[in-house]
Amino acid sequence: EKRDVAYLQSITDNGVAGQFDWLTFFAALFQENEVVVESTEPIYIYGEKYYPDFSTLLATTDARTLSNYIGWRFVMETSLATTYAMRNATLKFDNSMYGTTSFG
């Protein structure tokens, strides 16, 4: 459903307020392109019911655990664009976790 950034912030704050600032996030995301995102910016929000859980998760999870998760997600997302050895390691991991036998 199409809403705005202010609405996204309000549903996120329904969990634990002040855990994530969407305007700061969007400012950092679009800084290089000099795009300014205002709280009235229309956006599509999917999975609305999960945003309060997101802020609660941020408030209750150790910072080191969050950092490790983000780091591993980055590795998993970029592994296919690296060396053959890394792609092969990713395929082996995916095979052991999910039964995957090929990419794609």
N, C-alpha and C. Protein backbone atom coordinates (compact mmCIF):
# COMPACT_ATOMS: atom_id res chain seq x y z
N GLU A 1 0.84 -1.18 0.00
CA GLU A 1 0.00 0.00 0.00
C GLU A 1 0.88 1.24 0.00
N LYS A 2 0.46 2.25 -0.72
CA LYS A 2 1.24 3.48 -0.83
C LYS A 2 0.96 4.36 0.40
N ARG A 3 2.05 4.70 1.09
CA ARG A 3 1.97 5.55 2.28
C ARG A 3 3.05 6.61 2.15
N ASP A 4 3.56 7.10 3.29
CA ASP A 4 4.69 8.01 3.24
C ASP A 4 5.70 7.62 4.32
N VAL A 5 6.85 8.30 4.30
CA VAL A 5 7.93 7.95 5.22
C VAL A 5 7.51 8.17 6.67
N ALA A 6 6.72 9.21 6.93
CA ALA A 6 6.24 9.48 8.29
C ALA A 6 5.41 8.30 8.81
N TYR A 7 4.58 7.73 7.94
CA TYR A 7 3.78 6.57 8.34
C TYR A 7 4.68 5.37 8.63
N LEU A 8 5.67 5.16 7.78
CA LEU A 8 6.63 4.07 8.00
C LEU A 8 7.31 4.23 9.36
N GLN A 9 7.70 5.46 9.69
CA GLN A 9 8.34 5.71 10.98
C GLN A 9 7.36 5.42 12.12
N SER A 10 6.12 5.80 11.96
CA SER A 10 5.14 5.59 13.04
C SER A 10 4.88 4.11 13.29
N ILE A 11 4.78 3.30 12.24
CA ILE A 11 4.53 1.87 12.48
C ILE A 11 5.78 1.18 13.02
N THR A 12 6.96 1.67 12.62
CA THR A 12 8.19 1.12 13.18
C THR A 12 8.29 1.46 14.66
N ASP A 13 7.93 2.67 15.02
CA ASP A 13 7.98 3.10 16.42
C ASP A 13 6.91 2.44 17.29
N ASN A 14 5.95 1.75 16.69
CA ASN A 14 4.95 1.02 17.48
C ASN A 14 5.57 -0.14 18.25
N GLY A 15 6.74 -0.61 17.82
CA GLY A 15 7.46 -1.64 18.57
C GLY A 15 8.18 -0.98 19.73
N VAL A 16 9.40 -0.55 19.50
CA VAL A 16 10.18 0.21 20.47
C VAL A 16 10.60 1.50 19.77
N ALA A 17 10.04 2.61 20.22
CA ALA A 17 10.27 3.89 19.56
C ALA A 17 11.75 4.29 19.59
N GLY A 18 12.18 4.93 18.51
CA GLY A 18 13.52 5.49 18.44
C GLY A 18 14.63 4.53 18.08
N GLN A 19 14.31 3.33 17.65
CA GLN A 19 15.34 2.36 17.33
C GLN A 19 15.88 2.52 15.92
N PHE A 20 15.09 3.07 15.02
CA PHE A 20 15.53 3.22 13.64
C PHE A 20 14.91 4.48 13.07
N ASP A 21 15.74 5.33 12.49
CA ASP A 21 15.28 6.58 11.90
C ASP A 21 15.29 6.44 10.38
N TRP A 22 14.10 6.32 9.80
CA TRP A 22 13.99 6.09 8.36
C TRP A 22 14.48 7.27 7.55
N LEU A 23 14.25 8.51 8.00
CA LEU A 23 14.73 9.67 7.25
C LEU A 23 16.25 9.69 7.19
N THR A 24 16.90 9.36 8.29
CA THR A 24 18.37 9.29 8.30
C THR A 24 18.84 8.19 7.36
N PHE A 25 18.17 7.06 7.38
CA PHE A 25 18.52 5.93 6.50
C PHE A 25 18.41 6.34 5.03
N PHE A 26 17.27 6.95 4.66
CA PHE A 26 17.08 7.35 3.27
C PHE A 26 18.06 8.46 2.87
N ALA A 27 18.38 9.36 3.79
CA ALA A 27 19.35 10.42 3.49
C ALA A 27 20.70 9.81 3.17
N ALA A 28 21.13 8.82 3.94
CA ALA A 28 22.41 8.16 3.69
C ALA A 28 22.36 7.37 2.39
N LEU A 29 21.24 6.72 2.14
CA LEU A 29 21.08 5.88 0.96
C LEU A 29 21.18 6.70 -0.34
N PHE A 30 20.59 7.88 -0.32
CA PHE A 30 20.52 8.69 -1.53
C PHE A 30 21.48 9.88 -1.54
N GLN A 31 22.35 9.97 -0.55
CA GLN A 31 23.26 11.10 -0.42
C GLN A 31 24.13 11.32 -1.66
N GLU A 32 24.67 10.24 -2.19
CA GLU A 32 25.56 10.34 -3.34
C GLU A 32 24.87 10.95 -4.55
N ASN A 33 23.58 10.72 -4.68
CA ASN A 33 22.81 11.25 -5.81
C ASN A 33 22.15 12.59 -5.49
N GLU A 34 22.43 13.09 -4.30
CA GLU A 34 21.88 14.37 -3.86
C GLU A 34 20.36 14.41 -3.91
N VAL A 35 19.74 13.29 -3.57
CA VAL A 35 18.29 13.21 -3.49
C VAL A 35 17.89 13.42 -2.03
N VAL A 36 16.96 14.33 -1.80
CA VAL A 36 16.47 14.60 -0.46
C VAL A 36 15.11 13.93 -0.30
N VAL A 37 14.98 13.10 0.72
CA VAL A 37 13.72 12.42 1.00
C VAL A 37 13.08 13.08 2.22
N GLU A 38 11.88 13.57 2.03
CA GLU A 38 11.13 14.22 3.11
C GLU A 38 10.17 13.21 3.76
N SER A 39 9.67 13.54 4.93
CA SER A 39 8.75 12.63 5.64
C SER A 39 7.45 12.42 4.87
N THR A 40 7.13 13.33 3.95
CA THR A 40 5.90 13.21 3.15
C THR A 40 6.11 12.45 1.84
N GLU A 41 7.34 11.97 1.63
CA GLU A 41 7.66 11.25 0.39
C GLU A 41 6.78 10.00 0.29
N PRO A 42 6.04 9.86 -0.82
CA PRO A 42 5.22 8.65 -0.99
C PRO A 42 6.11 7.42 -1.22
N ILE A 43 5.80 6.35 -0.52
CA ILE A 43 6.52 5.09 -0.68
C ILE A 43 5.54 3.93 -0.57
N TYR A 44 5.93 2.80 -1.10
CA TYR A 44 5.15 1.58 -0.93
C TYR A 44 5.71 0.82 0.25
N ILE A 45 4.84 0.36 1.12
CA ILE A 45 5.25 -0.39 2.31
C ILE A 45 4.67 -1.80 2.20
N TYR A 46 5.54 -2.77 2.24
CA TYR A 46 5.12 -4.17 2.19
C TYR A 46 5.38 -4.80 3.55
N GLY A 47 4.54 -5.71 3.97
CA GLY A 47 4.75 -6.42 5.24
C GLY A 47 4.63 -5.50 6.45
N GLU A 48 3.64 -4.62 6.43
CA GLU A 48 3.47 -3.63 7.49
C GLU A 48 3.54 -4.22 8.90
N LYS A 49 3.01 -5.39 9.07
CA LYS A 49 2.93 -5.98 10.41
C LYS A 49 4.30 -6.30 11.00
N TYR A 50 5.35 -6.34 10.17
CA TYR A 50 6.68 -6.71 10.67
C TYR A 50 7.50 -5.53 11.19
N TYR A 51 7.11 -4.31 10.85
CA TYR A 51 7.92 -3.16 11.25
C TYR A 51 8.00 -2.94 12.76
N PRO A 52 6.92 -3.10 13.52
CA PRO A 52 7.08 -3.01 14.98
C PRO A 52 8.03 -4.09 15.53
N ASP A 53 7.97 -5.28 14.94
CA ASP A 53 8.89 -6.35 15.36
C ASP A 53 10.34 -5.99 15.04
N PHE A 54 10.55 -5.28 13.94
CA PHE A 54 11.90 -4.85 13.54
C PHE A 54 12.50 -3.94 14.61
N SER A 55 11.74 -2.96 15.07
CA SER A 55 12.27 -2.05 16.09
C SER A 55 12.47 -2.77 17.42
N THR A 56 11.61 -3.70 17.74
CA THR A 56 11.78 -4.49 18.97
C THR A 56 13.02 -5.36 18.86
N LEU A 57 13.24 -5.96 17.70
CA LEU A 57 14.43 -6.77 17.47
C LEU A 57 15.70 -5.94 17.65
N LEU A 58 15.70 -4.73 17.10
CA LEU A 58 16.86 -3.85 17.25
C LEU A 58 17.11 -3.50 18.71
N ALA A 59 16.04 -3.32 19.47
CA ALA A 59 16.17 -2.92 20.88
C ALA A 59 16.62 -4.06 21.78
N THR A 60 16.33 -5.29 21.38
CA THR A 60 16.58 -6.43 22.28
C THR A 60 17.73 -7.33 21.85
N THR A 61 18.32 -7.07 20.70
CA THR A 61 19.39 -7.92 20.19
C THR A 61 20.73 -7.23 20.39
N ASP A 62 21.71 -8.00 20.86
CA ASP A 62 23.05 -7.49 21.07
C ASP A 62 23.62 -6.90 19.78
N ALA A 63 24.30 -5.76 19.89
CA ALA A 63 24.85 -5.07 18.72
C ALA A 63 25.82 -5.97 17.94
N ARG A 64 26.59 -6.79 18.65
CA ARG A 64 27.53 -7.68 17.96
C ARG A 64 26.79 -8.71 17.10
N THR A 65 25.70 -9.23 17.62
CA THR A 65 24.90 -10.19 16.86
C THR A 65 24.33 -9.53 15.60
N LEU A 66 23.81 -8.32 15.74
CA LEU A 66 23.28 -7.60 14.57
C LEU A 66 24.38 -7.34 13.55
N SER A 67 25.56 -6.93 14.02
CA SER A 67 26.68 -6.67 13.11
C SER A 67 27.11 -7.93 12.38
N ASN A 68 27.19 -9.04 13.09
CA ASN A 68 27.55 -10.31 12.46
C ASN A 68 26.52 -10.71 11.41
N TYR A 69 25.25 -10.55 11.73
CA TYR A 69 24.19 -10.90 10.78
C TYR A 69 24.31 -10.06 9.51
N ILE A 70 24.47 -8.75 9.68
CA ILE A 70 24.58 -7.86 8.52
C ILE A 70 25.81 -8.22 7.69
N GLY A 71 26.92 -8.51 8.36
CA GLY A 71 28.14 -8.90 7.65
C GLY A 71 27.96 -10.16 6.84
N TRP A 72 27.34 -11.17 7.45
CA TRP A 72 27.13 -12.42 6.73
C TRP A 72 26.12 -12.27 5.60
N ARG A 73 25.09 -11.45 5.78
CA ARG A 73 24.14 -11.20 4.69
C ARG A 73 24.85 -10.54 3.51
N PHE A 74 25.77 -9.62 3.81
CA PHE A 74 26.53 -8.97 2.75
C PHE A 74 27.38 -10.00 2.00
N VAL A 75 28.06 -10.85 2.73
CA VAL A 75 28.89 -11.89 2.10
C VAL A 75 28.02 -12.79 1.22
N MET A 76 26.88 -13.22 1.74
CA MET A 76 26.02 -14.12 0.97
C MET A 76 25.46 -13.43 -0.28
N GLU A 77 25.13 -12.16 -0.17
CA GLU A 77 24.56 -11.44 -1.32
C GLU A 77 25.61 -11.13 -2.39
N THR A 78 26.85 -10.97 -2.01
CA THR A 78 27.88 -10.60 -2.99
C THR A 78 28.73 -11.77 -3.45
N SER A 79 28.55 -12.92 -2.85
CA SER A 79 29.43 -14.05 -3.15
C SER A 79 29.37 -14.51 -4.61
N LEU A 80 28.23 -14.36 -5.24
CA LEU A 80 28.11 -14.80 -6.64
C LEU A 80 28.85 -13.89 -7.60
N ALA A 81 29.21 -12.69 -7.14
CA ALA A 81 29.92 -11.75 -8.01
C ALA A 81 31.42 -11.75 -7.72
N THR A 82 31.91 -12.79 -7.06
CA THR A 82 33.34 -12.84 -6.71
C THR A 82 34.02 -13.99 -7.45
N THR A 83 34.99 -14.59 -6.81
CA THR A 83 35.81 -15.63 -7.43
C THR A 83 35.06 -16.96 -7.53
N TYR A 84 35.60 -17.83 -8.35
CA TYR A 84 35.05 -19.19 -8.48
C TYR A 84 35.06 -19.89 -7.12
N ALA A 85 36.14 -19.75 -6.36
CA ALA A 85 36.24 -20.40 -5.06
C ALA A 85 35.12 -19.94 -4.12
N MET A 86 34.82 -18.66 -4.14
CA MET A 86 33.76 -18.13 -3.28
C MET A 86 32.40 -18.61 -3.75
N ARG A 87 32.16 -18.62 -5.05
CA ARG A 87 30.89 -19.12 -5.58
C ARG A 87 30.72 -20.59 -5.23
N ASN A 88 31.81 -21.36 -5.34
CA ASN A 88 31.75 -22.78 -5.02
C ASN A 88 31.46 -22.99 -3.53
N ALA A 89 32.09 -22.18 -2.67
CA ALA A 89 31.84 -22.28 -1.23
C ALA A 89 30.38 -21.93 -0.92
N THR A 90 29.85 -20.94 -1.62
CA THR A 90 28.45 -20.56 -1.42
C THR A 90 27.52 -21.68 -1.85
N LEU A 91 27.82 -22.31 -2.98
CA LEU A 91 27.00 -23.42 -3.44
C LEU A 91 27.04 -24.57 -2.45
N LYS A 92 28.20 -24.88 -1.90
CA LYS A 92 28.32 -25.94 -0.90
C LYS A 92 27.51 -25.61 0.34
N PHE A 93 27.59 -24.36 0.77
CA PHE A 93 26.82 -23.93 1.93
C PHE A 93 25.32 -24.06 1.65
N ASP A 94 24.88 -23.52 0.51
CA ASP A 94 23.47 -23.59 0.15
C ASP A 94 23.00 -25.03 0.03
N ASN A 95 23.86 -25.91 -0.50
CA ASN A 95 23.51 -27.31 -0.61
C ASN A 95 23.30 -27.94 0.77
N SER A 96 24.20 -27.64 1.70
CA SER A 96 24.06 -28.23 3.03
C SER A 96 22.87 -27.65 3.79
N MET A 97 22.55 -26.37 3.55
CA MET A 97 21.44 -25.74 4.28
C MET A 97 20.09 -26.01 3.64
N TYR A 98 20.04 -25.94 2.29
CA TYR A 98 18.76 -25.94 1.60
C TYR A 98 18.60 -27.02 0.55
N GLY A 99 19.66 -27.82 0.31
CA GLY A 99 19.59 -28.84 -0.72
C GLY A 99 19.78 -28.31 -2.12
N THR A 100 20.24 -27.08 -2.26
CA THR A 100 20.45 -26.45 -3.56
C THR A 100 21.55 -27.17 -4.30
N THR A 101 21.33 -27.44 -5.59
CA THR A 101 22.36 -28.13 -6.38
C THR A 101 22.96 -27.27 -7.48
N SER A 102 22.37 -26.09 -7.72
CA SER A 102 22.94 -25.18 -8.72
C SER A 102 22.45 -23.78 -8.44
N PHE A 103 23.11 -22.78 -9.04
CA PHE A 103 22.67 -21.40 -8.89
C PHE A 103 21.55 -21.13 -9.88
N GLY A 104 20.68 -20.20 -9.49
CA GLY A 104 19.63 -19.78 -10.42
C GLY A 104 18.38 -20.46 -10.12
